[in-house]
């Protein structure tokens, strides 16, 4: 059997306090060192993995997440990010190096979503909707531009 897709938790640190999150049950929240992450991605490539969903916690709390995504691409692995979206406010560079992004939207009702996902952002629901629009506009231009340039 071929394993072509895997979820890889690169950080158990998160910037939210979701009541349903399994990460809240951990006593110590850590991140693997970059060298270990790279080594594991190399091994996953040997196993035939074609796409890696970098998860957490929130993988964007890592200062080296762009390096991790670049390494995946260098190996021909499709990098995917599952994130709360909060760190994208600070640095959108990672969007250049991923092929897909998973953002949480637990309800179309702002109040329900924000209650489920307490964090430092006053209106996380609005943030997610704004990020979806930003990514739709900016990434589609970036992807289309790359298609024409090889």
C-alpha atoms as a PDB file:
ATOM      1  CA  UNK A   1       0.000   0.000   0.000  1.00  0.00           C
ATOM      2  CA  UNK A   2       1.265   3.453  -0.896  1.00  0.00           C
ATOM      3  CA  UNK A   3       1.005   6.305   1.612  1.00  0.00           C
ATOM      4  CA  UNK A   4       0.772   9.418  -0.511  1.00  0.00           C
ATOM      5  CA  UNK A   5      -0.580  11.895   2.067  1.00  0.00           C
ATOM      6  CA  UNK A   6       0.231  12.391   5.727  1.00  0.00           C
ATOM      7  CA  UNK A   7      -0.513  14.871   8.515  1.00  0.00           C
ATOM      8  CA  UNK A   8       2.643  15.880  10.356  1.00  0.00           C
ATOM      9  CA  UNK A   9       2.354  17.830  13.608  1.00  0.00           C
ATOM     10  CA  UNK A  10       5.333  20.170  13.534  1.00  0.00           C
ATOM     11  CA  UNK A  11       4.270  22.167  16.588  1.00  0.00           C
ATOM     12  CA  UNK A  12       2.028  21.480  19.542  1.00  0.00           C
ATOM     13  CA  UNK A  13       2.103  25.191  20.417  1.00  0.00           C
ATOM     14  CA  UNK A  14      -1.020  27.158  19.504  1.00  0.00           C
ATOM     15  CA  UNK A  15      -2.299  30.705  19.868  1.00  0.00           C
ATOM     16  CA  UNK A  16      -5.887  29.687  20.569  1.00  0.00           C
ATOM     17  CA  UNK A  17      -7.667  28.002  23.452  1.00  0.00           C
ATOM     18  CA  UNK A  18     -10.283  25.871  21.707  1.00  0.00           C
ATOM     19  CA  UNK A  19     -12.164  23.764  24.241  1.00  0.00           C
ATOM     20  CA  UNK A  20     -12.362  20.754  21.921  1.00  0.00           C
ATOM     21  CA  UNK A  21      -8.660  20.660  20.938  1.00  0.00           C
ATOM     22  CA  UNK A  22      -6.654  17.581  21.853  1.00  0.00           C
ATOM     23  CA  UNK A  23      -3.522  19.741  22.285  1.00  0.00           C
ATOM     24  CA  UNK A  24      -4.993  21.210  25.476  1.00  0.00           C
ATOM     25  CA  UNK A  25      -4.604  17.835  27.150  1.00  0.00           C
ATOM     26  CA  UNK A  26      -0.841  17.866  26.793  1.00  0.00           C
ATOM     27  CA  UNK A  27       1.305  18.789  29.748  1.00  0.00           C
ATOM     28  CA  UNK A  28       4.228  20.108  27.730  1.00  0.00           C
ATOM     29  CA  UNK A  29       3.922  21.859  24.418  1.00  0.00           C
ATOM     30  CA  UNK A  30       6.998  21.560  22.275  1.00  0.00           C
ATOM     31  CA  UNK A  31       8.313  21.814  18.765  1.00  0.00           C
ATOM     32  CA  UNK A  32      10.688  19.414  17.104  1.00  0.00           C
ATOM     33  CA  UNK A  33      14.001  21.022  16.137  1.00  0.00           C
ATOM     34  CA  UNK A  34      14.262  21.950  12.454  1.00  0.00           C
ATOM     35  CA  UNK A  35      16.937  19.310  11.829  1.00  0.00           C
ATOM     36  CA  UNK A  36      14.612  16.573  13.105  1.00  0.00           C
ATOM     37  CA  UNK A  37      11.680  17.868  11.019  1.00  0.00           C
ATOM     38  CA  UNK A  38      13.861  17.894   7.880  1.00  0.00           C
ATOM     39  CA  UNK A  39      15.118  14.387   8.643  1.00  0.00           C
ATOM     40  CA  UNK A  40      11.572  13.086   9.080  1.00  0.00           C
ATOM     41  CA  UNK A  41      10.386  14.762   5.862  1.00  0.00           C
ATOM     42  CA  UNK A  42      13.309  13.138   4.020  1.00  0.00           C
ATOM     43  CA  UNK A  43      12.251   9.756   5.412  1.00  0.00           C
ATOM     44  CA  UNK A  44       8.619  10.372   4.432  1.00  0.00           C
ATOM     45  CA  UNK A  45       9.801  11.117   0.881  1.00  0.00           C
ATOM     46  CA  UNK A  46      11.613   7.770   0.841  1.00  0.00           C
ATOM     47  CA  UNK A  47       8.296   6.145   1.806  1.00  0.00           C
ATOM     48  CA  UNK A  48       6.649   7.761  -1.215  1.00  0.00           C
ATOM     49  CA  UNK A  49       4.723  10.525   0.511  1.00  0.00           C
ATOM     50  CA  UNK A  50       3.582  13.094  -2.060  1.00  0.00           C
ATOM     51  CA  UNK A  51       1.792  15.615   0.197  1.00  0.00           C
ATOM     52  CA  UNK A  52       2.317  16.647   3.810  1.00  0.00           C
ATOM     53  CA  UNK A  53      -0.257  18.545   5.836  1.00  0.00           C
ATOM     54  CA  UNK A  54       1.815  20.496   8.358  1.00  0.00           C
ATOM     55  CA  UNK A  55      -0.352  20.781  11.460  1.00  0.00           C
ATOM     56  CA  UNK A  56      -0.210  21.570  15.141  1.00  0.00           C
ATOM     57  CA  UNK A  57      -1.104  23.338  17.435  1.00  0.00           C
ATOM     58  CA  UNK A  58      -0.435  25.918  14.807  1.00  0.00           C
ATOM     59  CA  UNK A  59       2.516  25.297  12.491  1.00  0.00           C
ATOM     60  CA  UNK A  60       2.792  29.016  11.740  1.00  0.00           C
ATOM     61  CA  UNK A  61       4.054  29.715  15.268  1.00  0.00           C
ATOM     62  CA  UNK A  62       7.326  28.174  14.075  1.00  0.00           C
ATOM     63  CA  UNK A  63       9.845  30.775  12.960  1.00  0.00           C
ATOM     64  CA  UNK A  64      11.242  28.249  10.454  1.00  0.00           C
ATOM     65  CA  UNK A  65       7.957  27.169   8.815  1.00  0.00           C
ATOM     66  CA  UNK A  66       8.942  28.741   5.470  1.00  0.00           C
ATOM     67  CA  UNK A  67      12.170  26.693   5.484  1.00  0.00           C
ATOM     68  CA  UNK A  68      10.136  23.542   6.137  1.00  0.00           C
ATOM     69  CA  UNK A  69       7.753  24.318   3.260  1.00  0.00           C
ATOM     70  CA  UNK A  70      10.647  25.128   0.922  1.00  0.00           C
ATOM     71  CA  UNK A  71      12.276  21.804   1.817  1.00  0.00           C
ATOM     72  CA  UNK A  72       9.069  19.929   1.025  1.00  0.00           C
ATOM     73  CA  UNK A  73       8.891  21.638  -2.366  1.00  0.00           C
ATOM     74  CA  UNK A  74      12.573  20.900  -3.050  1.00  0.00           C
ATOM     75  CA  UNK A  75      11.802  17.209  -2.556  1.00  0.00           C
ATOM     76  CA  UNK A  76       8.699  17.364  -4.748  1.00  0.00           C
ATOM     77  CA  UNK A  77       6.333  17.017  -1.796  1.00  0.00           C
ATOM     78  CA  UNK A  78       3.196  19.175  -1.788  1.00  0.00           C
ATOM     79  CA  UNK A  79       3.173  21.294   1.385  1.00  0.00           C
ATOM     80  CA  UNK A  80      -0.210  21.968   2.983  1.00  0.00           C
ATOM     81  CA  UNK A  81      -0.768  24.066   6.120  1.00  0.00           C
ATOM     82  CA  UNK A  82      -3.540  23.700   8.711  1.00  0.00           C
ATOM     83  CA  UNK A  83      -3.564  26.908  10.748  1.00  0.00           C
ATOM     84  CA  UNK A  84      -5.710  29.113  12.961  1.00  0.00           C
ATOM     85  CA  UNK A  85      -4.880  31.966  10.590  1.00  0.00           C
ATOM     86  CA  UNK A  86      -3.734  34.295  13.364  1.00  0.00           C
ATOM     87  CA  UNK A  87      -0.055  34.202  12.394  1.00  0.00           C
ATOM     88  CA  UNK A  88      -0.917  35.037   8.779  1.00  0.00           C
ATOM     89  CA  UNK A  89      -1.675  38.540  10.032  1.00  0.00           C
ATOM     90  CA  UNK A  90       1.993  38.919  10.925  1.00  0.00           C
ATOM     91  CA  UNK A  91       3.688  37.303   7.940  1.00  0.00           C
ATOM     92  CA  UNK A  92       2.045  36.063   4.747  1.00  0.00           C
ATOM     93  CA  UNK A  93       5.333  34.864   3.178  1.00  0.00           C
ATOM     94  CA  UNK A  94       4.463  31.212   3.810  1.00  0.00           C
ATOM     95  CA  UNK A  95       1.621  31.499   1.277  1.00  0.00           C
ATOM     96  CA  UNK A  96       4.250  31.575  -1.487  1.00  0.00           C
ATOM     97  CA  UNK A  97       5.490  28.112  -0.519  1.00  0.00           C
ATOM     98  CA  UNK A  98       2.332  26.105   0.094  1.00  0.00           C
ATOM     99  CA  UNK A  99      -0.178  24.594  -2.283  1.00  0.00           C
ATOM    100  CA  UNK A 100      -3.144  24.429   0.045  1.00  0.00           C
ATOM    101  CA  UNK A 101      -4.249  25.941   3.331  1.00  0.00           C
ATOM    102  CA  UNK A 102      -6.804  24.731   5.856  1.00  0.00           C
ATOM    103  CA  UNK A 103      -8.503  27.432   7.925  1.00  0.00           C
ATOM    104  CA  UNK A 104     -11.062  26.769  10.676  1.00  0.00           C
ATOM    105  CA  UNK A 105     -14.623  27.937  10.164  1.00  0.00           C
ATOM    106  CA  UNK A 106     -16.876  26.181  12.656  1.00  0.00           C
ATOM    107  CA  UNK A 107     -20.047  28.085  11.898  1.00  0.00           C
ATOM    108  CA  UNK A 108     -21.379  30.712   9.543  1.00  0.00           C
ATOM    109  CA  UNK A 109     -22.688  32.340  12.730  1.00  0.00           C
ATOM    110  CA  UNK A 110     -20.016  34.653  14.107  1.00  0.00           C
ATOM    111  CA  UNK A 111     -21.063  34.209  17.725  1.00  0.00           C
ATOM    112  CA  UNK A 112     -20.967  30.409  17.579  1.00  0.00           C
ATOM    113  CA  UNK A 113     -17.584  30.280  15.855  1.00  0.00           C
ATOM    114  CA  UNK A 114     -15.968  32.801  18.221  1.00  0.00           C
ATOM    115  CA  UNK A 115     -17.335  30.986  21.263  1.00  0.00           C
ATOM    116  CA  UNK A 116     -15.814  27.705  20.054  1.00  0.00           C
ATOM    117  CA  UNK A 117     -12.437  29.297  19.265  1.00  0.00           C
ATOM    118  CA  UNK A 118     -11.454  31.751  22.014  1.00  0.00           C
ATOM    119  CA  UNK A 119      -8.241  33.634  21.314  1.00  0.00           C
ATOM    120  CA  UNK A 120      -6.552  37.024  21.454  1.00  0.00           C
ATOM    121  CA  UNK A 121      -8.297  38.110  18.242  1.00  0.00           C
ATOM    122  CA  UNK A 122     -11.579  39.820  19.084  1.00  0.00           C
ATOM    123  CA  UNK A 123     -13.411  38.395  16.064  1.00  0.00           C
ATOM    124  CA  UNK A 124     -11.676  35.265  14.778  1.00  0.00           C
ATOM    125  CA  UNK A 125     -14.675  34.507  12.553  1.00  0.00           C
ATOM    126  CA  UNK A 126     -14.167  37.781  10.647  1.00  0.00           C
ATOM    127  CA  UNK A 127     -10.427  37.090  10.408  1.00  0.00           C
ATOM    128  CA  UNK A 128     -11.071  33.750   8.731  1.00  0.00           C
ATOM    129  CA  UNK A 129     -13.533  35.221   6.246  1.00  0.00           C
ATOM    130  CA  UNK A 130     -11.081  38.031   5.448  1.00  0.00           C
ATOM    131  CA  UNK A 131      -8.222  35.545   5.007  1.00  0.00           C
ATOM    132  CA  UNK A 132     -10.307  33.426   2.654  1.00  0.00           C
ATOM    133  CA  UNK A 133     -10.945  36.487   0.503  1.00  0.00           C
ATOM    134  CA  UNK A 134      -7.301  37.598   0.660  1.00  0.00           C
ATOM    135  CA  UNK A 135      -6.023  34.147  -0.307  1.00  0.00           C
ATOM    136  CA  UNK A 136      -8.591  33.794  -3.070  1.00  0.00           C
ATOM    137  CA  UNK A 137      -7.470  37.062  -4.640  1.00  0.00           C
ATOM    138  CA  UNK A 138      -3.721  36.967  -4.000  1.00  0.00           C
ATOM    139  CA  UNK A 139      -2.966  33.284  -4.344  1.00  0.00           C
ATOM    140  CA  UNK A 140      -4.963  32.775  -7.510  1.00  0.00           C
ATOM    141  CA  UNK A 141      -2.861  35.526  -9.139  1.00  0.00           C
ATOM    142  CA  UNK A 142       0.335  33.958  -7.807  1.00  0.00           C
ATOM    143  CA  UNK A 143      -0.594  30.438  -8.967  1.00  0.00           C
ATOM    144  CA  UNK A 144      -1.705  31.637 -12.416  1.00  0.00           C
ATOM    145  CA  UNK A 145       1.507  33.645 -12.805  1.00  0.00           C
ATOM    146  CA  UNK A 146       3.591  30.563 -12.000  1.00  0.00           C
ATOM    147  CA  UNK A 147       1.693  28.409 -14.500  1.00  0.00           C
ATOM    148  CA  UNK A 148       2.783  30.706 -17.318  1.00  0.00           C
ATOM    149  CA  UNK A 149       6.391  30.940 -16.137  1.00  0.00           C
ATOM    150  CA  UNK A 150       6.929  27.222 -15.779  1.00  0.00           C
END
